[in-house]
Amino acid sequence: MNRRFRLARSADFVRVRRSGKSFAHPLAVLVTYPSGLPSSRFAFSAGKALGSAVHRNRAKRLLREAVRCLLPDVAPGWDVILIARPPLAGADHRAVTQAVAGLLRRA
């Protein structure tokens, strides 16, 4: 994912988690907060409940790829955090993309 679409600063991450609105799906949780920037920024998180580092990294890769495919349809000006849930570790690309698309539509 291109650097301008990344939510990297810790302060931004905390602001979105504290003040943002969350939307849940069995595979992931999406938290959004308006940023007012010309493009939307994304962060990906996977806790230890998903399993080993291999499973957590795979979950984040699946989420990143789903967002990359859907990026042209995302409205600008939002900070977004996607948090992987344990069932995502066993999901395929199509299911993850559909889950992320549904979360983005709801948000």
Protein backbone atom coordinates (compact mmCIF):
# COMPACT_ATOMS: atom_id res chain seq x y z
CA MET A 1 0.00 0.00 0.00
CA ASN A 2 1.29 3.44 -0.92
CA ARG A 3 2.74 5.51 1.95
CA ARG A 4 0.20 8.33 1.58
CA PHE A 5 -2.60 5.85 2.37
CA ARG A 6 -1.00 4.63 5.64
CA LEU A 7 -2.01 5.70 9.11
CA ALA A 8 1.36 5.44 10.80
CA ARG A 9 1.64 7.94 13.66
CA SER A 10 0.81 6.56 17.08
CA ALA A 11 -1.13 9.70 18.05
CA ASP A 12 -3.38 9.34 14.99
CA PHE A 13 -3.95 5.67 15.77
CA VAL A 14 -4.96 6.48 19.37
CA ARG A 15 -7.25 9.32 18.22
CA VAL A 16 -9.11 7.04 15.82
CA ARG A 17 -9.47 4.25 18.41
CA ARG A 18 -10.73 6.62 21.13
CA SER A 19 -12.99 8.93 19.14
CA GLY A 20 -13.88 6.92 16.05
CA LYS A 21 -17.05 5.04 15.21
CA SER A 22 -16.73 1.26 14.94
CA PHE A 23 -18.48 -1.26 12.73
CA ALA A 24 -18.24 -4.99 13.39
CA HIS A 25 -18.22 -8.06 11.16
CA PRO A 26 -17.38 -11.66 12.15
CA LEU A 27 -14.05 -11.38 10.30
CA ALA A 28 -12.98 -7.83 11.17
CA VAL A 29 -13.78 -4.59 12.97
CA LEU A 30 -13.57 -1.24 11.19
CA VAL A 31 -13.03 2.01 13.12
CA THR A 32 -13.35 5.33 11.27
CA TYR A 33 -12.73 8.96 12.12
CA PRO A 34 -12.86 11.98 9.77
CA SER A 35 -9.44 13.46 9.05
CA GLY A 36 -10.18 16.16 6.48
CA LEU A 37 -7.17 15.13 4.39
CA PRO A 38 -7.34 14.79 0.59
CA SER A 39 -7.02 10.98 0.85
CA SER A 40 -8.10 8.33 3.31
CA ARG A 41 -5.48 6.62 5.46
CA PHE A 42 -5.57 3.01 6.70
CA ALA A 43 -4.01 1.02 9.52
CA PHE A 44 -4.20 -2.74 10.08
CA SER A 45 -4.07 -4.56 13.38
CA ALA A 46 -4.11 -8.21 14.44
CA GLY A 47 -3.97 -9.25 18.09
CA LYS A 48 -2.43 -12.33 19.60
CA ALA A 49 -5.84 -14.01 19.70
CA LEU A 50 -5.30 -14.81 15.99
CA GLY A 51 -2.38 -17.08 16.80
CA SER A 52 1.27 -17.03 15.89
CA ALA A 53 3.06 -14.22 14.04
CA VAL A 54 2.56 -16.13 10.79
CA HIS A 55 -1.22 -16.06 11.22
CA ARG A 56 -1.28 -12.41 12.30
CA ASN A 57 0.84 -11.31 9.35
CA ARG A 58 -1.31 -13.30 6.92
CA ALA A 59 -4.43 -11.67 8.33
CA LYS A 60 -2.95 -8.19 7.87
CA ARG A 61 -1.83 -9.05 4.33
CA LEU A 62 -5.36 -10.19 3.47
CA LEU A 63 -6.84 -6.97 4.88
CA ARG A 64 -4.27 -4.82 3.03
CA GLU A 65 -5.00 -6.55 -0.27
CA ALA A 66 -8.76 -6.18 0.21
CA VAL A 67 -8.37 -2.44 0.87
CA ARG A 68 -6.01 -2.05 -2.10
CA CYS A 69 -8.68 -3.54 -4.39
CA LEU A 70 -11.40 -1.31 -2.92
CA LEU A 71 -9.37 1.90 -2.60
CA PRO A 72 -10.83 3.68 -5.68
CA ASP A 73 -14.31 3.39 -4.13
CA VAL A 74 -13.34 4.81 -0.73
CA ALA A 75 -14.32 8.42 -0.03
CA PRO A 76 -11.37 10.71 0.82
CA GLY A 77 -10.87 12.35 4.18
CA TRP A 78 -11.10 9.41 6.60
CA ASP A 79 -8.71 7.64 8.94
CA VAL A 80 -9.57 3.94 9.08
CA ILE A 81 -8.33 1.11 11.29
CA LEU A 82 -9.13 -2.49 10.37
CA ILE A 83 -8.76 -4.98 13.22
CA ALA A 84 -8.63 -8.68 12.36
CA ARG A 85 -10.76 -11.12 14.34
CA PRO A 86 -9.76 -14.79 14.89
CA PRO A 87 -11.96 -16.31 12.11
CA LEU A 88 -10.10 -14.16 9.54
CA ALA A 89 -7.00 -16.36 9.89
CA GLY A 90 -8.78 -19.20 8.08
CA ALA A 91 -10.70 -17.08 5.55
CA ASP A 92 -9.93 -16.81 1.85
CA HIS A 93 -9.32 -13.62 -0.14
CA ARG A 94 -12.86 -13.38 -1.54
CA ALA A 95 -14.49 -13.62 1.90
CA VAL A 96 -12.15 -10.98 3.33
CA THR A 97 -12.76 -8.62 0.41
CA GLN A 98 -16.54 -9.01 0.78
CA ALA A 99 -16.30 -8.39 4.53
CA VAL A 100 -14.20 -5.24 4.09
CA ALA A 101 -16.46 -3.98 1.29
CA GLY A 102 -19.51 -4.46 3.51
CA LEU A 103 -17.84 -2.66 6.42
CA LEU A 104 -16.81 0.26 4.19
CA ARG A 105 -20.35 0.55 2.80
CA ARG A 106 -21.80 0.65 6.32
CA ALA A 107 -19.26 3.23 7.43
